[in-house]
Every structure is written in structure tokens, then in C-alpha cells.
């Protein structure tokens, strides 16, 4: 993930936060898939929950735009 710069515009900052949460969610889903293939149920469950949390945060932030 890239480091984000401060913005004078709140909408730009929110858009970057939304994008970051979506990216984290996608990463968690990809790793969860790998964990499932390795029969690691605990890691899979943890990553699915994290992915859901990031999806929720992205949705909430998107609603502010």
C-alpha cells in the first residue's frame, strides 16, 4: 500500500480512505482464500472477519461523500 499525503480537500481524503479500505479488504480475501486451501480454518475465519470490517468501513466512508 502506498502512503497517502494530507489533502486540503476533505472529499479527497475520504476517497483515499475508501480506496485503502477496499484494498485491504481485497488483500484479506486473497489471503483468506490461501488459508482455506491450506485447511487453516482459524486464519480463514479471522481474515474473512477483517475483510468484512474493511468493507463496512469503506461503505460508511463512501456514504459521507
PDB file of N, CA and C in Angstrom:
ATOM      1  N   UNK A   1       0.839  -1.173   0.000  1.00  0.00           N
ATOM      2  CA  UNK A   1       0.000   0.000   0.000  1.00  0.00           C
ATOM      3  C   UNK A   1       0.883   1.235   0.000  1.00  0.00           C
ATOM      4  N   UNK A   2       0.376   2.256  -0.644  1.00  0.00           N
ATOM      5  CA  UNK A   2       1.146   3.490  -0.700  1.00  0.00           C
ATOM      6  C   UNK A   2       0.810   4.383   0.490  1.00  0.00           C
ATOM      7  N   UNK A   3       1.711   5.282   0.785  1.00  0.00           N
ATOM      8  CA  UNK A   3       1.477   6.251   1.845  1.00  0.00           C
ATOM      9  C   UNK A   3       0.709   7.422   1.251  1.00  0.00           C
ATOM     10  N   UNK A   4      -0.312   7.848   1.952  1.00  0.00           N
ATOM     11  CA  UNK A   4      -1.149   8.924   1.448  1.00  0.00           C
ATOM     12  C   UNK A   4      -0.713  10.256   2.021  1.00  0.00           C
ATOM     13  N   UNK A   5      -0.837  11.283   1.212  1.00  0.00           N
ATOM     14  CA  UNK A   5      -0.484  12.642   1.613  1.00  0.00           C
ATOM     15  C   UNK A   5      -1.718  13.348   2.169  1.00  0.00           C
ATOM     16  N   UNK A   6      -1.482  14.354   2.986  1.00  0.00           N
ATOM     17  CA  UNK A   6      -2.584  15.148   3.531  1.00  0.00           C
ATOM     18  C   UNK A   6      -3.192  15.996   2.413  1.00  0.00           C
ATOM     19  N   UNK A   7      -4.492  16.182   2.483  1.00  0.00           N
ATOM     20  CA  UNK A   7      -5.210  16.970   1.482  1.00  0.00           C
ATOM     21  C   UNK A   7      -5.928  18.123   2.163  1.00  0.00           C
ATOM     22  N   UNK A   8      -6.027  19.209   1.450  1.00  0.00           N
ATOM     23  CA  UNK A   8      -6.818  20.333   1.948  1.00  0.00           C
ATOM     24  C   UNK A   8      -8.300  20.037   1.762  1.00  0.00           C
ATOM     25  N   UNK A   9      -8.601  19.162   0.843  1.00  0.00           N
ATOM     26  CA  UNK A   9      -9.973  18.823   0.480  1.00  0.00           C
ATOM     27  C   UNK A   9     -10.405  17.556   1.230  1.00  0.00           C
ATOM     28  N   UNK A  10     -11.450  17.664   2.032  1.00  0.00           N
ATOM     29  CA  UNK A  10     -11.927  16.512   2.810  1.00  0.00           C
ATOM     30  C   UNK A  10     -12.400  15.371   1.930  1.00  0.00           C
ATOM     31  N   UNK A  11     -13.056  15.693   0.821  1.00  0.00           N
ATOM     32  CA  UNK A  11     -13.548  14.639  -0.064  1.00  0.00           C
ATOM     33  C   UNK A  11     -12.402  13.798  -0.620  1.00  0.00           C
ATOM     34  N   UNK A  12     -11.302  14.439  -0.943  1.00  0.00           N
ATOM     35  CA  UNK A  12     -10.145  13.690  -1.454  1.00  0.00           C
ATOM     36  C   UNK A  12      -9.606  12.741  -0.395  1.00  0.00           C
ATOM     37  N   UNK A  13      -9.550  13.213   0.830  1.00  0.00           N
ATOM     38  CA  UNK A  13      -9.078  12.362   1.925  1.00  0.00           C
ATOM     39  C   UNK A  13     -10.014  11.179   2.131  1.00  0.00           C
ATOM     40  N   UNK A  14     -11.312  11.441   2.107  1.00  0.00           N
ATOM     41  CA  UNK A  14     -12.279  10.357   2.281  1.00  0.00           C
ATOM     42  C   UNK A  14     -12.190   9.346   1.144  1.00  0.00           C
ATOM     43  N   UNK A  15     -12.017   9.830  -0.075  1.00  0.00           N
ATOM     44  CA  UNK A  15     -11.900   8.925  -1.223  1.00  0.00           C
ATOM     45  C   UNK A  15     -10.681   8.021  -1.077  1.00  0.00           C
ATOM     46  N   UNK A  16      -9.582   8.575  -0.590  1.00  0.00           N
ATOM     47  CA  UNK A  16      -8.384   7.763  -0.393  1.00  0.00           C
ATOM     48  C   UNK A  16      -8.588   6.740   0.720  1.00  0.00           C
ATOM     49  N   UNK A  17      -9.292   7.132   1.776  1.00  0.00           N
ATOM     50  CA  UNK A  17      -9.589   6.182   2.852  1.00  0.00           C
ATOM     51  C   UNK A  17     -10.482   5.047   2.355  1.00  0.00           C
ATOM     52  N   UNK A  18     -11.478   5.393   1.561  1.00  0.00           N
ATOM     53  CA  UNK A  18     -12.360   4.369   0.987  1.00  0.00           C
ATOM     54  C   UNK A  18     -11.533   3.400   0.152  1.00  0.00           C
ATOM     55  N   UNK A  19     -10.677   3.940  -0.700  1.00  0.00           N
ATOM     56  CA  UNK A  19      -9.843   3.095  -1.557  1.00  0.00           C
ATOM     57  C   UNK A  19      -8.913   2.210  -0.726  1.00  0.00           C
ATOM     58  N   UNK A  20      -8.345   2.762   0.325  1.00  0.00           N
ATOM     59  CA  UNK A  20      -7.440   1.984   1.180  1.00  0.00           C
ATOM     60  C   UNK A  20      -8.180   0.831   1.857  1.00  0.00           C
ATOM     61  N   UNK A  21      -9.381   1.092   2.353  1.00  0.00           N
ATOM     62  CA  UNK A  21     -10.155   0.022   2.996  1.00  0.00           C
ATOM     63  C   UNK A  21     -10.556  -1.044   1.982  1.00  0.00           C
ATOM     64  N   UNK A  22     -10.903  -0.634   0.782  1.00  0.00           N
ATOM     65  CA  UNK A  22     -11.241  -1.618  -0.254  1.00  0.00           C
ATOM     66  C   UNK A  22     -10.026  -2.475  -0.605  1.00  0.00           C
ATOM     67  N   UNK A  23      -8.875  -1.842  -0.675  1.00  0.00           N
ATOM     68  CA  UNK A  23      -7.649  -2.573  -0.993  1.00  0.00           C
ATOM     69  C   UNK A  23      -7.313  -3.567   0.127  1.00  0.00           C
ATOM     70  N   UNK A  24      -7.445  -3.133   1.371  1.00  0.00           N
ATOM     71  CA  UNK A  24      -7.188  -4.037   2.496  1.00  0.00           C
ATOM     72  C   UNK A  24      -8.166  -5.208   2.495  1.00  0.00           C
ATOM     73  N   UNK A  25      -9.410  -4.929   2.157  1.00  0.00           N
ATOM     74  CA  UNK A  25     -10.412  -5.990   2.086  1.00  0.00           C
ATOM     75  C   UNK A  25     -10.046  -7.011   1.016  1.00  0.00           C
ATOM     76  N   UNK A  26      -9.636  -6.535  -0.141  1.00  0.00           N
ATOM     77  CA  UNK A  26      -9.247  -7.446  -1.225  1.00  0.00           C
ATOM     78  C   UNK A  26      -8.038  -8.287  -0.827  1.00  0.00           C
ATOM     79  N   UNK A  27      -7.080  -7.664  -0.156  1.00  0.00           N
ATOM     80  CA  UNK A  27      -5.900  -8.400   0.287  1.00  0.00           C
ATOM     81  C   UNK A  27      -6.293  -9.482   1.292  1.00  0.00           C
ATOM     82  N   UNK A  28      -7.162  -9.132   2.230  1.00  0.00           N
ATOM     83  CA  UNK A  28      -7.599 -10.099   3.238  1.00  0.00           C
ATOM     84  C   UNK A  28      -8.348 -11.258   2.581  1.00  0.00           C
ATOM     85  N   UNK A  29      -9.168 -10.962   1.578  1.00  0.00           N
ATOM     86  CA  UNK A  29      -9.907 -12.018   0.877  1.00  0.00           C
ATOM     87  C   UNK A  29      -8.955 -12.958   0.144  1.00  0.00           C
ATOM     88  N   UNK A  30      -7.930 -12.401  -0.476  1.00  0.00           N
ATOM     89  CA  UNK A  30      -6.961 -13.230  -1.200  1.00  0.00           C
ATOM     90  C   UNK A  30      -6.203 -14.142  -0.238  1.00  0.00           C
ATOM     91  N   UNK A  31      -5.803 -13.596   0.889  1.00  0.00           N
ATOM     92  CA  UNK A  31      -5.070 -14.402   1.870  1.00  0.00           C
ATOM     93  C   UNK A  31      -6.003 -15.428   2.510  1.00  0.00           C
ATOM     94  N   UNK A  32      -7.265 -15.049   2.721  1.00  0.00           N
ATOM     95  CA  UNK A  32      -8.241 -15.989   3.283  1.00  0.00           C
ATOM     96  C   UNK A  32      -8.426 -17.184   2.354  1.00  0.00           C
ATOM     97  N   UNK A  33      -8.429 -16.914   1.068  1.00  0.00           N
ATOM     98  CA  UNK A  33      -8.556 -17.998   0.097  1.00  0.00           C
ATOM     99  C   UNK A  33      -7.376 -18.964   0.206  1.00  0.00           C
ATOM    100  N   UNK A  34      -6.189 -18.417   0.369  1.00  0.00           N
ATOM    101  CA  UNK A  34      -4.998 -19.264   0.536  1.00  0.00           C
ATOM    102  C   UNK A  34      -5.081 -20.064   1.832  1.00  0.00           C
ATOM    103  N   UNK A  35      -5.536 -19.414   2.893  1.00  0.00           N
ATOM    104  CA  UNK A  35      -5.659 -20.110   4.179  1.00  0.00           C
ATOM    105  C   UNK A  35      -6.665 -21.252   4.080  1.00  0.00           C
ATOM    106  N   UNK A  36      -7.741 -21.019   3.345  1.00  0.00           N
ATOM    107  CA  UNK A  36      -8.753 -22.065   3.178  1.00  0.00           C
ATOM    108  C   UNK A  36      -8.172 -23.257   2.415  1.00  0.00           C
ATOM    109  N   UNK A  37      -7.375 -22.979   1.391  1.00  0.00           N
ATOM    110  CA  UNK A  37      -6.755 -24.057   0.611  1.00  0.00           C
ATOM    111  C   UNK A  37      -5.790 -24.883   1.458  1.00  0.00           C
ATOM    112  N   UNK A  38      -5.214 -24.250   2.484  1.00  0.00           N
ATOM    113  CA  UNK A  38      -4.276 -24.952   3.364  1.00  0.00           C
ATOM    114  C   UNK A  38      -4.979 -25.530   4.595  1.00  0.00           C
ATOM    115  N   UNK A  39      -6.308 -25.526   4.570  1.00  0.00           N
ATOM    116  CA  UNK A  39      -7.121 -26.050   5.674  1.00  0.00           C
ATOM    117  C   UNK A  39      -6.824 -25.359   7.004  1.00  0.00           C
ATOM    118  N   UNK A  40      -6.550 -24.068   6.945  1.00  0.00           N
ATOM    119  CA  UNK A  40      -6.305 -23.272   8.149  1.00  0.00           C
ATOM    120  C   UNK A  40      -7.584 -22.488   8.454  1.00  0.00           C
ATOM    121  N   UNK A  41      -8.498 -23.151   9.129  1.00  0.00           N
ATOM    122  CA  UNK A  41      -9.820 -22.577   9.377  1.00  0.00           C
ATOM    123  C   UNK A  41      -9.761 -21.331  10.257  1.00  0.00           C
ATOM    124  N   UNK A  42      -8.861 -21.316  11.223  1.00  0.00           N
ATOM    125  CA  UNK A  42      -8.780 -20.174  12.135  1.00  0.00           C
ATOM    126  C   UNK A  42      -8.329 -18.906  11.408  1.00  0.00           C
ATOM    127  N   UNK A  43      -7.284 -19.032  10.611  1.00  0.00           N
ATOM    128  CA  UNK A  43      -6.807 -17.870   9.850  1.00  0.00           C
ATOM    129  C   UNK A  43      -7.847 -17.433   8.827  1.00  0.00           C
ATOM    130  N   UNK A  44      -8.477 -18.406   8.191  1.00  0.00           N
ATOM    131  CA  UNK A  44      -9.514 -18.094   7.208  1.00  0.00           C
ATOM    132  C   UNK A  44     -10.634 -17.288   7.855  1.00  0.00           C
ATOM    133  N   UNK A  45     -11.109 -17.746   8.999  1.00  0.00           N
ATOM    134  CA  UNK A  45     -12.187 -17.053   9.698  1.00  0.00           C
ATOM    135  C   UNK A  45     -11.774 -15.637  10.098  1.00  0.00           C
ATOM    136  N   UNK A  46     -10.575 -15.502  10.630  1.00  0.00           N
ATOM    137  CA  UNK A  46     -10.072 -14.186  11.030  1.00  0.00           C
ATOM    138  C   UNK A  46     -10.024 -13.234   9.837  1.00  0.00           C
ATOM    139  N   UNK A  47      -9.507 -13.711   8.720  1.00  0.00           N
ATOM    140  CA  UNK A  47      -9.367 -12.866   7.536  1.00  0.00           C
ATOM    141  C   UNK A  47     -10.710 -12.520   6.906  1.00  0.00           C
ATOM    142  N   UNK A  48     -11.654 -13.435   6.955  1.00  0.00           N
ATOM    143  CA  UNK A  48     -12.998 -13.138   6.447  1.00  0.00           C
ATOM    144  C   UNK A  48     -13.637 -12.045   7.304  1.00  0.00           C
ATOM    145  N   UNK A  49     -13.444 -12.131   8.614  1.00  0.00           N
ATOM    146  CA  UNK A  49     -13.981 -11.096   9.503  1.00  0.00           C
ATOM    147  C   UNK A  49     -13.319  -9.742   9.245  1.00  0.00           C
ATOM    148  N   UNK A  50     -12.000  -9.731   9.064  1.00  0.00           N
ATOM    149  CA  UNK A  50     -11.289  -8.478   8.788  1.00  0.00           C
ATOM    150  C   UNK A  50     -11.755  -7.886   7.464  1.00  0.00           C
ATOM    151  N   UNK A  51     -11.916  -8.738   6.477  1.00  0.00           N
ATOM    152  CA  UNK A  51     -12.381  -8.273   5.175  1.00  0.00           C
ATOM    153  C   UNK A  51     -13.755  -7.624   5.305  1.00  0.00           C
ATOM    154  N   UNK A  52     -14.624  -8.251   6.060  1.00  0.00           N
ATOM    155  CA  UNK A  52     -15.958  -7.693   6.278  1.00  0.00           C
ATOM    156  C   UNK A  52     -15.906  -6.354   6.989  1.00  0.00           C
ATOM    157  N   UNK A  53     -15.004  -6.232   7.943  1.00  0.00           N
ATOM    158  CA  UNK A  53     -14.863  -4.962   8.663  1.00  0.00           C
ATOM    159  C   UNK A  53     -14.393  -3.859   7.714  1.00  0.00           C
ATOM    160  N   UNK A  54     -13.423  -4.176   6.861  1.00  0.00           N
ATOM    161  CA  UNK A  54     -12.937  -3.168   5.916  1.00  0.00           C
ATOM    162  C   UNK A  54     -14.009  -2.813   4.882  1.00  0.00           C
ATOM    163  N   UNK A  55     -14.793  -3.788   4.462  1.00  0.00           N
ATOM    164  CA  UNK A  55     -15.911  -3.495   3.554  1.00  0.00           C
ATOM    165  C   UNK A  55     -16.903  -2.543   4.223  1.00  0.00           C
ATOM    166  N   UNK A  56     -17.181  -2.805   5.488  1.00  0.00           N
ATOM    167  CA  UNK A  56     -18.116  -1.962   6.239  1.00  0.00           C
ATOM    168  C   UNK A  56     -17.576  -0.542   6.376  1.00  0.00           C
ATOM    169  N   UNK A  57     -16.293  -0.417   6.735  1.00  0.00           N
ATOM    170  CA  UNK A  57     -15.697   0.911   6.879  1.00  0.00           C
ATOM    171  C   UNK A  57     -15.719   1.665   5.551  1.00  0.00           C
ATOM    172  N   UNK A  58     -15.406   0.967   4.466  1.00  0.00           N
ATOM    173  CA  UNK A  58     -15.417   1.607   3.147  1.00  0.00           C
ATOM    174  C   UNK A  58     -16.827   2.086   2.807  1.00  0.00           C
ATOM    175  N   UNK A  59     -17.822   1.265   3.105  1.00  0.00           N
ATOM    176  CA  UNK A  59     -19.207   1.633   2.826  1.00  0.00           C
ATOM    177  C   UNK A  59     -19.607   2.864   3.645  1.00  0.00           C
ATOM    178  N   UNK A  60     -19.247   2.866   4.930  1.00  0.00           N
ATOM    179  CA  UNK A  60     -19.612   4.002   5.787  1.00  0.00           C
ATOM    180  C   UNK A  60     -18.932   5.288   5.316  1.00  0.00           C
ATOM    181  N   UNK A  61     -17.658   5.201   4.975  1.00  0.00           N
ATOM    182  CA  UNK A  61     -16.946   6.387   4.498  1.00  0.00           C
ATOM    183  C   UNK A  61     -17.498   6.857   3.155  1.00  0.00           C
ATOM    184  N   UNK A  62     -17.828   5.912   2.283  1.00  0.00           N
ATOM    185  CA  UNK A  62     -18.388   6.255   0.971  1.00  0.00           C
ATOM    186  C   UNK A  62     -19.713   7.000   1.132  1.00  0.00           C
ATOM    187  N   UNK A  63     -20.468   6.648   2.153  1.00  0.00           N
ATOM    188  CA  UNK A  63     -21.767   7.300   2.361  1.00  0.00           C
ATOM    189  C   UNK A  63     -21.621   8.775   2.735  1.00  0.00           C
ATOM    190  N   UNK A  64     -20.430   9.166   3.175  1.00  0.00           N
ATOM    191  CA  UNK A  64     -20.190  10.564   3.532  1.00  0.00           C
ATOM    192  C   UNK A  64     -19.859  11.433   2.318  1.00  0.00           C
ATOM    193  N   UNK A  65     -19.575  10.791   1.206  1.00  0.00           N
ATOM    194  CA  UNK A  65     -19.201  11.549   0.001  1.00  0.00           C
ATOM    195  C   UNK A  65     -20.417  11.989  -0.787  1.00  0.00           C
TER     196      UNK A  65
END
